[in-house]
């Protein structure tokens, strides 16, 4: 078994979970090259509207 297979899966904290959503949009091509990115307040409203992250 390789070292990578034995390594426990990394647990993501709340900040990483929030950051992963816009990162996925950027990497998937949902945001056009050269487009302006949303303000942080707009990202928080859109991605965290369900309440506090646990």
Protein backbone atom coordinates (compact mmCIF):
# COMPACT_ATOMS: atom_id res chain seq x y z
CA UNK A 1 0.00 0.00 0.00
CA UNK A 2 1.39 3.42 -0.91
CA UNK A 3 1.91 6.24 1.57
CA UNK A 4 -0.90 8.22 -0.08
CA UNK A 5 -3.31 5.32 0.42
CA UNK A 6 -2.45 5.07 4.13
CA UNK A 7 -2.69 8.81 4.78
CA UNK A 8 -5.98 9.79 6.48
CA UNK A 9 -8.25 12.06 4.50
CA UNK A 10 -7.80 15.74 5.29
CA UNK A 11 -10.68 17.38 7.12
CA UNK A 12 -11.55 20.83 5.85
CA UNK A 13 -12.30 23.66 8.23
CA UNK A 14 -15.05 26.25 7.78
CA UNK A 15 -12.80 28.75 5.97
CA UNK A 16 -11.67 26.13 3.47
CA UNK A 17 -15.27 25.07 2.86
CA UNK A 18 -16.32 28.67 2.11
CA UNK A 19 -13.28 29.26 -0.12
CA UNK A 20 -13.91 26.07 -2.08
CA UNK A 21 -17.17 27.34 -3.60
CA UNK A 22 -15.79 30.34 -5.53
CA UNK A 23 -12.64 28.34 -6.31
CA UNK A 24 -14.76 25.64 -7.96
CA UNK A 25 -16.58 28.29 -10.03
CA UNK A 26 -13.29 29.78 -11.22
CA UNK A 27 -11.70 26.46 -12.10
CA UNK A 28 -14.82 25.08 -13.81
CA UNK A 29 -14.95 28.01 -16.24
CA UNK A 30 -18.17 29.46 -14.83
CA UNK A 31 -16.35 32.82 -14.58
CA UNK A 32 -15.07 34.17 -17.91
CA UNK A 33 -11.42 35.12 -18.32
CA UNK A 34 -10.94 38.78 -17.45
CA UNK A 35 -14.34 39.05 -15.74
CA UNK A 36 -14.58 41.02 -12.52
CA UNK A 37 -14.97 38.89 -9.45
CA UNK A 38 -17.86 39.53 -7.05
CA UNK A 39 -17.27 41.49 -3.86
CA UNK A 40 -16.60 39.39 -0.78
CA UNK A 41 -19.92 40.52 0.75
CA UNK A 42 -21.81 39.21 -2.29
CA UNK A 43 -19.96 35.89 -2.11
CA UNK A 44 -20.80 35.52 1.56
CA UNK A 45 -24.47 36.27 0.96
CA UNK A 46 -24.69 33.85 -1.97
CA UNK A 47 -22.64 31.00 -0.47
CA UNK A 48 -23.52 31.25 3.22
CA UNK A 49 -27.19 32.16 3.12
CA UNK A 50 -28.12 28.89 4.83
CA UNK A 51 -26.89 30.04 8.21
CA UNK A 52 -23.67 29.60 10.12
CA UNK A 53 -21.15 27.05 8.93
CA UNK A 54 -20.57 24.25 11.40
